[in-house]
Amino acid sequence: MVNSLLDFMLGPFRAISQFYFEHQMILNTIVIGFAVYKIYTRSRKTESKSAS
């Protein structure tokens, strides 16, 4: 039943979701790594501004 609902709601984008589910560990690691990088660089900019 869930598959039929997903097919109806996503239509041709179902292939994209299938790709995501097959590779979700790699994709989620990239997204989380990018978020951590942005947080780290933002905190370093704040520290350098306060030190000046």
N, C-alpha and C. Protein backbone atom coordinates (compact mmCIF):
# COMPACT_ATOMS: atom_id res chain seq x y z
N MET A 1 0.82 -1.18 0.00
CA MET A 1 0.00 0.00 0.00
C MET A 1 0.88 1.26 0.00
N VAL A 2 1.94 1.26 0.78
CA VAL A 2 2.83 2.41 0.83
C VAL A 2 3.47 2.64 -0.54
N ASN A 3 3.88 1.56 -1.19
CA ASN A 3 4.50 1.70 -2.52
C ASN A 3 3.53 2.31 -3.53
N SER A 4 2.28 1.90 -3.49
CA SER A 4 1.31 2.46 -4.43
C SER A 4 1.06 3.94 -4.14
N LEU A 5 1.05 4.35 -2.87
CA LEU A 5 0.89 5.76 -2.54
C LEU A 5 2.10 6.58 -3.00
N LEU A 6 3.30 6.04 -2.80
CA LEU A 6 4.49 6.72 -3.25
C LEU A 6 4.52 6.85 -4.78
N ASP A 7 4.12 5.79 -5.48
CA ASP A 7 4.07 5.85 -6.93
C ASP A 7 3.09 6.93 -7.39
N PHE A 8 1.96 7.04 -6.73
CA PHE A 8 0.96 8.04 -7.11
C PHE A 8 1.45 9.45 -6.81
N MET A 9 2.04 9.66 -5.64
CA MET A 9 2.46 11.01 -5.24
C MET A 9 3.72 11.47 -5.96
N LEU A 10 4.68 10.59 -6.15
CA LEU A 10 5.95 11.00 -6.74
C LEU A 10 5.99 10.87 -8.26
N GLY A 11 5.24 9.96 -8.79
CA GLY A 11 5.20 9.78 -10.23
C GLY A 11 6.58 9.47 -10.79
N PRO A 12 7.03 10.27 -11.77
CA PRO A 12 8.33 9.99 -12.40
C PRO A 12 9.52 10.24 -11.47
N PHE A 13 9.31 10.94 -10.37
CA PHE A 13 10.40 11.18 -9.44
C PHE A 13 10.68 9.98 -8.55
N ARG A 14 9.96 8.93 -8.74
CA ARG A 14 10.16 7.70 -7.97
C ARG A 14 11.57 7.14 -8.19
N ALA A 15 12.10 7.30 -9.38
CA ALA A 15 13.45 6.81 -9.68
C ALA A 15 14.48 7.56 -8.86
N ILE A 16 14.26 8.86 -8.65
CA ILE A 16 15.18 9.65 -7.84
C ILE A 16 15.16 9.16 -6.40
N SER A 17 13.97 8.89 -5.88
CA SER A 17 13.89 8.41 -4.51
C SER A 17 14.52 7.02 -4.38
N GLN A 18 14.37 6.20 -5.40
CA GLN A 18 15.00 4.88 -5.38
C GLN A 18 16.52 5.02 -5.33
N PHE A 19 17.07 5.95 -6.11
CA PHE A 19 18.51 6.20 -6.09
C PHE A 19 18.94 6.68 -4.71
N TYR A 20 18.15 7.59 -4.11
CA TYR A 20 18.48 8.10 -2.78
C TYR A 20 18.49 6.97 -1.75
N PHE A 21 17.47 6.11 -1.77
CA PHE A 21 17.41 5.04 -0.78
C PHE A 21 18.57 4.06 -0.94
N GLU A 22 19.03 3.85 -2.16
CA GLU A 22 20.16 2.95 -2.38
C GLU A 22 21.47 3.55 -1.91
N HIS A 23 21.59 4.87 -1.94
CA HIS A 23 22.84 5.54 -1.63
C HIS A 23 22.71 6.52 -0.46
N GLN A 24 21.76 6.29 0.42
CA GLN A 24 21.48 7.28 1.46
C GLN A 24 22.62 7.44 2.46
N MET A 25 23.39 6.43 2.72
CA MET A 25 24.49 6.55 3.66
C MET A 25 25.54 7.52 3.12
N ILE A 26 25.89 7.40 1.87
CA ILE A 26 26.88 8.29 1.26
C ILE A 26 26.34 9.71 1.18
N LEU A 27 25.11 9.87 0.71
CA LEU A 27 24.53 11.20 0.54
C LEU A 27 24.34 11.91 1.88
N ASN A 28 23.87 11.20 2.89
CA ASN A 28 23.69 11.81 4.20
C ASN A 28 25.02 12.20 4.82
N THR A 29 26.05 11.40 4.61
CA THR A 29 27.38 11.74 5.11
C THR A 29 27.89 13.03 4.48
N ILE A 30 27.66 13.20 3.19
CA ILE A 30 28.08 14.42 2.51
C ILE A 30 27.33 15.63 3.06
N VAL A 31 26.03 15.51 3.25
CA VAL A 31 25.23 16.63 3.76
C VAL A 31 25.64 16.99 5.18
N ILE A 32 25.81 16.01 6.03
CA ILE A 32 26.20 16.27 7.42
C ILE A 32 27.62 16.84 7.47
N GLY A 33 28.51 16.32 6.64
CA GLY A 33 29.87 16.86 6.59
C GLY A 33 29.88 18.32 6.16
N PHE A 34 29.07 18.68 5.19
CA PHE A 34 28.99 20.06 4.74
C PHE A 34 28.43 20.96 5.84
N ALA A 35 27.42 20.49 6.56
CA ALA A 35 26.84 21.28 7.65
C ALA A 35 27.86 21.50 8.77
N VAL A 36 28.61 20.48 9.11
CA VAL A 36 29.64 20.61 10.15
C VAL A 36 30.73 21.58 9.68
N TYR A 37 31.11 21.51 8.42
CA TYR A 37 32.10 22.43 7.87
C TYR A 37 31.62 23.87 7.96
N LYS A 38 30.36 24.12 7.60
CA LYS A 38 29.81 25.48 7.67
C LYS A 38 29.76 25.98 9.11
N ILE A 39 29.39 25.15 10.03
CA ILE A 39 29.35 25.54 11.44
C ILE A 39 30.76 25.86 11.94
N TYR A 40 31.72 25.02 11.56
CA TYR A 40 33.10 25.22 11.99
C TYR A 40 33.67 26.52 11.43
N THR A 41 33.46 26.78 10.14
CA THR A 41 34.00 28.01 9.55
C THR A 41 33.30 29.24 10.10
N ARG A 42 32.02 29.15 10.40
CA ARG A 42 31.32 30.29 10.98
C ARG A 42 31.85 30.60 12.37
N SER A 43 32.13 29.57 13.17
CA SER A 43 32.63 29.81 14.51
C SER A 43 34.05 30.38 14.46
N ARG A 44 34.87 29.97 13.49
CA ARG A 44 36.24 30.51 13.36
C ARG A 44 36.20 31.98 12.94
N LYS A 45 35.25 32.36 12.09
CA LYS A 45 35.12 33.75 11.69
C LYS A 45 34.72 34.62 12.87
N THR A 46 33.82 34.11 13.71
CA THR A 46 33.37 34.84 14.89
C THR A 46 34.53 35.02 15.87
N GLU A 47 35.34 33.96 16.04
CA GLU A 47 36.48 34.05 16.97
C GLU A 47 37.52 35.05 16.46
N SER A 48 37.77 35.08 15.16
CA SER A 48 38.77 36.00 14.63
C SER A 48 38.28 37.45 14.71
N LYS A 49 36.99 37.70 14.56
CA LYS A 49 36.45 39.05 14.68
C LYS A 49 36.52 39.54 16.12
N SER A 50 36.23 38.66 17.07
CA SER A 50 36.27 39.06 18.48
C SER A 50 37.71 39.24 18.96
N ALA A 51 38.68 38.56 18.37
CA ALA A 51 40.08 38.69 18.76
C ALA A 51 40.70 40.00 18.25
N SER A 52 40.12 40.56 17.19
CA SER A 52 40.69 41.79 16.61
C SER A 52 40.43 43.02 17.43
